[in-house]
C-alpha atoms as a PDB file:
ATOM      1  CA  MET A   1     130.159  77.407  77.268  1.00  0.00           C
ATOM      2  CA  SER A   2     132.561  76.796  74.397  1.00  0.00           C
ATOM      3  CA  GLU A   3     134.342  73.478  74.154  1.00  0.00           C
ATOM      4  CA  PHE A   4     137.681  75.307  74.499  1.00  0.00           C
ATOM      5  CA  VAL A   5     136.648  76.829  77.829  1.00  0.00           C
ATOM      6  CA  GLU A   6     135.816  73.412  79.289  1.00  0.00           C
ATOM      7  CA  GLN A   7     139.040  71.877  77.899  1.00  0.00           C
ATOM      8  CA  ILE A   8     141.156  74.698  79.354  1.00  0.00           C
ATOM      9  CA  ALA A   9     139.351  74.358  82.697  1.00  0.00           C
ATOM     10  CA  LEU A  10     140.118  70.616  82.709  1.00  0.00           C
ATOM     11  CA  CYS A  11     143.806  71.174  81.866  1.00  0.00           C
ATOM     12  CA  VAL A  12     144.149  73.769  84.629  1.00  0.00           C
ATOM     13  CA  GLU A  13     142.341  71.581  87.160  1.00  0.00           C
ATOM     14  CA  ARG A  14     144.495  68.553  86.265  1.00  0.00           C
ATOM     15  CA  GLY A  15     147.758  70.526  85.904  1.00  0.00           C
ATOM     16  CA  LYS A  16     148.269  69.728  82.206  1.00  0.00           C
ATOM     17  CA  VAL A  17     150.650  72.536  81.161  1.00  0.00           C
ATOM     18  CA  ASN A  18     151.382  71.644  77.516  1.00  0.00           C
ATOM     19  CA  LYS A  19     151.554  68.749  75.067  1.00  0.00           C
ATOM     20  CA  ASP A  20     155.111  67.783  76.096  1.00  0.00           C
ATOM     21  CA  ALA A  21     154.311  67.695  79.813  1.00  0.00           C
ATOM     22  CA  PRO A  22     154.340  64.120  81.191  1.00  0.00           C
ATOM     23  CA  TYR A  23     151.922  65.109  83.974  1.00  0.00           C
ATOM     24  CA  PRO A  24     149.237  63.941  84.489  1.00  0.00           C
ATOM     25  CA  PRO A  25     150.076  60.511  83.000  1.00  0.00           C
ATOM     26  CA  ASP A  26     146.558  59.859  81.669  1.00  0.00           C
ATOM     27  CA  LEU A  27     146.714  63.036  79.526  1.00  0.00           C
ATOM     28  CA  LYS A  28     150.199  62.361  78.133  1.00  0.00           C
ATOM     29  CA  GLY A  29     150.614  63.479  74.516  1.00  0.00           C
ATOM     30  CA  GLN A  30     147.429  65.572  74.558  1.00  0.00           C
ATOM     31  CA  ASP A  31     147.313  69.345  74.114  1.00  0.00           C
ATOM     32  CA  GLY A  32     147.651  71.260  77.373  1.00  0.00           C
ATOM     33  CA  ALA A  33     146.473  74.651  78.621  1.00  0.00           C
ATOM     34  CA  ASP A  34     149.196  76.381  76.583  1.00  0.00           C
ATOM     35  CA  GLU A  35     148.175  74.986  73.164  1.00  0.00           C
ATOM     36  CA  LEU A  36     144.440  75.161  73.869  1.00  0.00           C
ATOM     37  CA  ALA A  37     144.554  78.840  74.864  1.00  0.00           C
ATOM     38  CA  LYS A  38     146.465  79.683  71.668  1.00  0.00           C
ATOM     39  CA  GLN A  39     144.067  77.658  69.505  1.00  0.00           C
ATOM     40  CA  ALA A  40     141.086  79.323  71.187  1.00  0.00           C
ATOM     41  CA  ILE A  41     142.431  82.813  70.417  1.00  0.00           C
ATOM     42  CA  ASP A  42     143.262  81.806  66.816  1.00  0.00           C
ATOM     43  CA  GLN A  43     139.702  80.568  66.371  1.00  0.00           C
ATOM     44  CA  GLY A  44     138.133  83.748  67.720  1.00  0.00           C
ATOM     45  CA  VAL A  45     137.134  82.630  71.208  1.00  0.00           C
ATOM     46  CA  LYS A  46     136.745  85.721  73.411  1.00  0.00           C
ATOM     47  CA  PRO A  47     139.731  86.294  75.726  1.00  0.00           C
ATOM     48  CA  ASP A  48     137.228  86.748  78.580  1.00  0.00           C
ATOM     49  CA  ASP A  49     135.969  83.202  77.963  1.00  0.00           C
ATOM     50  CA  ILE A  50     139.530  81.827  78.071  1.00  0.00           C
ATOM     51  CA  LEU A  51     140.040  83.609  81.402  1.00  0.00           C
ATOM     52  CA  GLN A  52     136.767  82.040  82.550  1.00  0.00           C
ATOM     53  CA  GLY A  53     138.235  78.599  81.758  1.00  0.00           C
ATOM     54  CA  CYS A  54     141.264  79.378  83.950  1.00  0.00           C
ATOM     55  CA  ILE A  55     139.024  80.630  86.765  1.00  0.00           C
ATOM     56  CA  LEU A  56     136.840  77.532  86.533  1.00  0.00           C
ATOM     57  CA  GLY A  57     139.837  75.166  86.623  1.00  0.00           C
ATOM     58  CA  MET A  58     141.456  76.927  89.598  1.00  0.00           C
ATOM     59  CA  ASP A  59     138.108  77.018  91.376  1.00  0.00           C
ATOM     60  CA  ARG A  60     137.732  73.245  90.991  1.00  0.00           C
ATOM     61  CA  ILE A  61     141.249  72.406  92.215  1.00  0.00           C
ATOM     62  CA  GLY A  62     140.846  74.953  95.024  1.00  0.00           C
ATOM     63  CA  GLU A  63     137.668  73.194  96.124  1.00  0.00           C
ATOM     64  CA  LYS A  64     139.438  69.808  96.108  1.00  0.00           C
ATOM     65  CA  PHE A  65     142.355  71.300  98.072  1.00  0.00           C
ATOM     66  CA  SER A  66     140.041  72.721 100.733  1.00  0.00           C
ATOM     67  CA  GLN A  67     138.420  69.274 101.073  1.00  0.00           C
ATOM     68  CA  ASN A  68     141.823  67.515 101.333  1.00  0.00           C
ATOM     69  CA  LYS A  69     141.117  65.713  98.032  1.00  0.00           C
ATOM     70  CA  ALA A  70     144.103  67.444  96.391  1.00  0.00           C
ATOM     71  CA  PHE A  71     147.417  68.535  97.861  1.00  0.00           C
ATOM     72  CA  VAL A  72     150.130  71.167  97.396  1.00  0.00           C
ATOM     73  CA  PRO A  73     151.843  69.486  94.377  1.00  0.00           C
ATOM     74  CA  GLU A  74     148.530  69.279  92.472  1.00  0.00           C
ATOM     75  CA  LEU A  75     147.745  72.910  93.291  1.00  0.00           C
ATOM     76  CA  LEU A  76     151.199  73.985  92.102  1.00  0.00           C
ATOM     77  CA  MET A  77     150.790  72.068  88.823  1.00  0.00           C
ATOM     78  CA  ALA A  78     147.351  73.634  88.313  1.00  0.00           C
ATOM     79  CA  ALA A  79     148.875  77.084  88.840  1.00  0.00           C
ATOM     80  CA  LYS A  80     151.588  76.257  86.292  1.00  0.00           C
ATOM     81  CA  ALA A  81     148.957  75.250  83.712  1.00  0.00           C
ATOM     82  CA  MET A  82     146.945  78.387  84.468  1.00  0.00           C
ATOM     83  CA  THR A  83     150.041  80.569  83.982  1.00  0.00           C
ATOM     84  CA  ALA A  84     150.710  78.907  80.613  1.00  0.00           C
ATOM     85  CA  ALA A  85     147.173  79.702  79.419  1.00  0.00           C
ATOM     86  CA  MET A  86     147.182  83.240  80.804  1.00  0.00           C
ATOM     87  CA  GLU A  87     150.454  84.030  79.034  1.00  0.00           C
ATOM     88  CA  HIS A  88     148.344  84.231  75.843  1.00  0.00           C
ATOM     89  CA  LEU A  89     145.999  86.730  77.513  1.00  0.00           C
ATOM     90  CA  LYS A  90     148.701  89.246  78.494  1.00  0.00           C
ATOM     91  CA  PRO A  91     148.227  91.445  75.385  1.00  0.00           C
ATOM     92  CA  PHE A  92     144.492  91.623  76.119  1.00  0.00           C
ATOM     93  CA  PHE A  93     145.106  92.611  79.769  1.00  0.00           C
ATOM     94  CA  LYS A  94     147.493  95.353  78.606  1.00  0.00           C
ATOM     95  CA  SER A  95     145.044  96.689  76.027  1.00  0.00           C
ATOM     96  CA  GLY A  96     142.211  96.641  78.563  1.00  0.00           C
ATOM     97  CA  GLU A  97     140.113  94.273  76.455  1.00  0.00           C
ATOM     98  CA  VAL A  98     140.143  91.800  79.349  1.00  0.00           C
ATOM     99  CA  LYS A  99     139.589  93.308  82.774  1.00  0.00           C
ATOM    100  CA  ARG A 100     140.829  91.897  86.056  1.00  0.00           C
ATOM    101  CA  LYS A 101     138.281  91.631  88.868  1.00  0.00           C
ATOM    102  CA  GLY A 102     140.500  93.761  91.099  1.00  0.00           C
ATOM    103  CA  THR A 103     143.950  94.017  92.680  1.00  0.00           C
ATOM    104  CA  PHE A 104     145.136  91.830  95.547  1.00  0.00           C
ATOM    105  CA  VAL A 105     148.236  92.945  97.472  1.00  0.00           C
ATOM    106  CA  ILE A 106     149.624  90.019  99.449  1.00  0.00           C
ATOM    107  CA  GLY A 107     152.602  89.362 101.699  1.00  0.00           C
ATOM    108  CA  THR A 108     153.856  87.335 104.659  1.00  0.00           C
ATOM    109  CA  ILE A 109     154.001  89.541 107.748  1.00  0.00           C
ATOM    110  CA  ALA A 110     157.199  91.122 109.130  1.00  0.00           C
ATOM    111  CA  GLY A 111     159.541  88.665 110.855  1.00  0.00           C
ATOM    112  CA  ASP A 112     158.117  85.638 109.015  1.00  0.00           C
ATOM    113  CA  LEU A 113     160.077  84.073 106.147  1.00  0.00           C
ATOM    114  CA  HIS A 114     157.562  81.351 105.261  1.00  0.00           C
ATOM    115  CA  ASP A 115     155.855  81.811 101.938  1.00  0.00           C
ATOM    116  CA  ILE A 116     154.388  78.517 100.670  1.00  0.00           C
ATOM    117  CA  GLY A 117     150.874  79.255 101.962  1.00  0.00           C
ATOM    118  CA  LYS A 118     151.054  82.846 100.751  1.00  0.00           C
ATOM    119  CA  ASN A 119     152.250  81.687  97.321  1.00  0.00           C
ATOM    120  CA  LEU A 120     149.371  79.211  97.018  1.00  0.00           C
ATOM    121  CA  VAL A 121     146.819  81.904  97.852  1.00  0.00           C
ATOM    122  CA  ALA A 122     148.471  84.273  95.338  1.00  0.00           C
ATOM    123  CA  MET A 123     148.310  81.616  92.591  1.00  0.00           C
ATOM    124  CA  VAL A 124     144.671  80.755  93.233  1.00  0.00           C
ATOM    125  CA  ALA A 125     143.767  84.478  93.388  1.00  0.00           C
ATOM    126  CA  GLU A 126     145.458  85.091  90.035  1.00  0.00           C
ATOM    127  CA  GLY A 127     143.609  82.098  88.620  1.00  0.00           C
ATOM    128  CA  GLY A 128     140.452  83.633  90.063  1.00  0.00           C
ATOM    129  CA  GLY A 129     140.866  86.695  87.834  1.00  0.00           C
ATOM    130  CA  TYR A 130     142.765  89.091  90.113  1.00  0.00           C
ATOM    131  CA  GLU A 131     145.907  91.085  89.470  1.00  0.00           C
ATOM    132  CA  VAL A 132     148.234  89.932  92.250  1.00  0.00           C
ATOM    133  CA  VAL A 133     150.910  92.180  93.728  1.00  0.00           C
ATOM    134  CA  ASP A 134     153.117  89.795  95.725  1.00  0.00           C
ATOM    135  CA  LEU A 135     155.295  91.664  98.245  1.00  0.00           C
ATOM    136  CA  GLY A 136     157.103  88.464  99.287  1.00  0.00           C
ATOM    137  CA  ASN A 137     157.860  87.616 102.906  1.00  0.00           C
ATOM    138  CA  ASP A 138     158.979  89.598 105.979  1.00  0.00           C
ATOM    139  CA  VAL A 139     156.738  92.478 104.832  1.00  0.00           C
ATOM    140  CA  SER A 140     156.632  95.527 107.101  1.00  0.00           C
ATOM    141  CA  ALA A 141     153.598  97.767 107.641  1.00  0.00           C
ATOM    142  CA  ASP A 142     155.367 100.488 105.611  1.00  0.00           C
ATOM    143  CA  LYS A 143     155.689  98.153 102.602  1.00  0.00           C
ATOM    144  CA  PHE A 144     151.983  97.333 102.764  1.00  0.00           C
ATOM    145  CA  LEU A 145     151.157 101.066 103.012  1.00  0.00           C
ATOM    146  CA  GLN A 146     153.330 101.884 100.014  1.00  0.00           C
ATOM    147  CA  ALA A 147     151.691  99.138  97.929  1.00  0.00           C
ATOM    148  CA  ILE A 148     148.186 100.372  98.859  1.00  0.00           C
ATOM    149  CA  GLU A 149     149.189 103.879  97.802  1.00  0.00           C
ATOM    150  CA  GLU A 150     150.404 102.513  94.446  1.00  0.00           C
ATOM    151  CA  HIS A 151     147.284 100.361  93.932  1.00  0.00           C
ATOM    152  CA  PRO A 152     144.202 102.334  95.048  1.00  0.00           C
ATOM    153  CA  GLY A 153     141.138 100.198  95.661  1.00  0.00           C
ATOM    154  CA  CYS A 154     143.139  97.015  96.325  1.00  0.00           C
ATOM    155  CA  VAL A 155     142.409  94.325  98.897  1.00  0.00           C
ATOM    156  CA  VAL A 156     145.292  93.360 101.216  1.00  0.00           C
ATOM    157  CA  GLY A 157     146.144  89.801 102.239  1.00  0.00           C
ATOM    158  CA  MET A 158     148.484  88.951 105.126  1.00  0.00           C
ATOM    159  CA  SER A 159     149.888  85.555 106.032  1.00  0.00           C
ATOM    160  CA  ALA A 160     151.826  84.157 108.996  1.00  0.00           C
ATOM    161  CA  LEU A 161     153.049  80.675 109.857  1.00  0.00           C
ATOM    162  CA  LEU A 162     154.404  81.361 113.362  1.00  0.00           C
ATOM    163  CA  THR A 163     152.608  82.360 116.543  1.00  0.00           C
ATOM    164  CA  THR A 164     155.558  84.667 117.276  1.00  0.00           C
ATOM    165  CA  THR A 165     155.049  86.628 114.040  1.00  0.00           C
ATOM    166  CA  MET A 166     151.263  86.610 113.711  1.00  0.00           C
ATOM    167  CA  VAL A 167     151.108  89.243 116.481  1.00  0.00           C
ATOM    168  CA  ASN A 168     152.784  91.659 114.016  1.00  0.00           C
ATOM    169  CA  MET A 169     149.591  91.559 111.938  1.00  0.00           C
ATOM    170  CA  GLU A 170     147.812  93.675 114.563  1.00  0.00           C
ATOM    171  CA  SER A 171     150.134  96.678 114.301  1.00  0.00           C
ATOM    172  CA  ALA A 172     150.224  96.408 110.492  1.00  0.00           C
ATOM    173  CA  ILE A 173     146.412  96.379 110.270  1.00  0.00           C
ATOM    174  CA  LYS A 174     146.217  99.322 112.670  1.00  0.00           C
ATOM    175  CA  ALA A 175     148.622 101.323 110.473  1.00  0.00           C
ATOM    176  CA  ILE A 176     146.637 100.441 107.330  1.00  0.00           C
ATOM    177  CA  LYS A 177     143.278 101.352 108.880  1.00  0.00           C
ATOM    178  CA  GLU A 178     144.628 104.689 110.136  1.00  0.00           C
ATOM    179  CA  ARG A 179     145.764 105.743 106.650  1.00  0.00           C
ATOM    180  CA  PHE A 180     143.423 103.760 104.405  1.00  0.00           C
ATOM    181  CA  PRO A 181     140.300 102.989 106.464  1.00  0.00           C
ATOM    182  CA  ASP A 182     138.384 101.682 103.435  1.00  0.00           C
ATOM    183  CA  THR A 183     141.025  99.121 102.408  1.00  0.00           C
ATOM    184  CA  PRO A 184     139.864  95.581 103.302  1.00  0.00           C
ATOM    185  CA  VAL A 185     142.476  93.346 104.949  1.00  0.00           C
ATOM    186  CA  ILE A 186     142.095  89.564 104.996  1.00  0.00           C
ATOM    187  CA  ILE A 187     144.437  87.244 106.888  1.00  0.00           C
ATOM    188  CA  GLY A 188     145.362  83.570 107.089  1.00  0.00           C
ATOM    189  CA  GLY A 189     148.077  81.094 107.993  1.00  0.00           C
ATOM    190  CA  ALA A 190     148.487  77.990 110.124  1.00  0.00           C
ATOM    191  CA  PRO A 191     148.218  79.585 113.611  1.00  0.00           C
ATOM    192  CA  VAL A 192     145.631  82.211 112.626  1.00  0.00           C
ATOM    193  CA  THR A 193     141.998  81.805 113.690  1.00  0.00           C
ATOM    194  CA  ARG A 194     138.735  83.627 112.992  1.00  0.00           C
ATOM    195  CA  ASP A 195     138.669  84.876 116.599  1.00  0.00           C
ATOM    196  CA  PHE A 196     142.172  86.291 116.257  1.00  0.00           C
ATOM    197  CA  ALA A 197     141.202  87.994 112.975  1.00  0.00           C
ATOM    198  CA  GLU A 198     138.204  89.659 114.608  1.00  0.00           C
ATOM    199  CA  LYS A 199     140.245  90.675 117.661  1.00  0.00           C
ATOM    200  CA  ILE A 200     142.908  92.508 115.620  1.00  0.00           C
ATOM    201  CA  GLY A 201     140.455  94.242 113.284  1.00  0.00           C
ATOM    202  CA  ALA A 202     140.932  92.199 110.100  1.00  0.00           C
ATOM    203  CA  ASP A 203     138.037  92.279 107.615  1.00  0.00           C
ATOM    204  CA  GLY A 204     138.146  88.550 106.942  1.00  0.00           C
ATOM    205  CA  TYR A 205     139.871  85.247 107.612  1.00  0.00           C
ATOM    206  CA  SER A 206     140.292  82.087 105.579  1.00  0.00           C
ATOM    207  CA  PRO A 207     142.097  78.832 106.372  1.00  0.00           C
ATOM    208  CA  ASP A 208     142.622  77.972 102.671  1.00  0.00           C
ATOM    209  CA  PRO A 209     143.184  79.575  99.222  1.00  0.00           C
ATOM    210  CA  LYS A 210     139.669  78.950  97.885  1.00  0.00           C
ATOM    211  CA  GLY A 211     138.148  80.657 100.925  1.00  0.00           C
ATOM    212  CA  ALA A 212     140.506  83.606 100.454  1.00  0.00           C
ATOM    213  CA  VAL A 213     139.287  84.083  96.864  1.00  0.00           C
ATOM    214  CA  ALA A 214     135.659  83.821  98.031  1.00  0.00           C
ATOM    215  CA  LEU A 215     136.420  86.628 100.516  1.00  0.00           C
ATOM    216  CA  LEU A 216     138.071  88.653  97.742  1.00  0.00           C
ATOM    217  CA  ASN A 217     134.984  88.281  95.581  1.00  0.00           C
ATOM    218  CA  LYS A 218     132.843  89.587  98.442  1.00  0.00           C
ATOM    219  CA  LYS A 219     135.110  92.544  99.219  1.00  0.00           C
ATOM    220  CA  VAL A 220     135.426  93.596  95.558  1.00  0.00           C
ATOM    221  CA  ALA A 221     131.752  93.106  94.638  1.00  0.00           C
END
């Protein structure tokens, strides 16, 4: 593994966006994910390897988050650093030189306006090498269906924070399975359980972002 890849992974994991960023204090004044990604490209490091650094960094912070060794602010800073590095990869995604693992359509279910958990999963999925189509919150079954039509072969993610709205997942999954039986649907959110996921016909459940990406990797493989 090139030195750049490990440095980028560290910056993403620690949330070091760029040289001017004061966070984290122990890396103050050092190059961040932004500068390192640019330097790596200038020195001929493969764009795929730079993406690998982002994936590695997000994987590490995701693991810490799932073990309660890191919290939402750290995950958000890691996502910010990842975005800064991946900005330099955009031309390579457009040209097809760097391929995404797959497409992940995600949204908070109809009636639910909470999006922090959904946003965290979206960020970690993007850092995991997926193209993320974020439909926002209060997403109806029709919106999910339209997005699946526009992104064939995608995996769908649904989130809910309220017991009163999580019941809407069942009708949305039913509608998806009727029209797109081969489209995997994974769900999560504070009140959601594995038993509930199985009962309503979801293809997977995860209580945290890292687990959601692990499910994605299984469904896309």
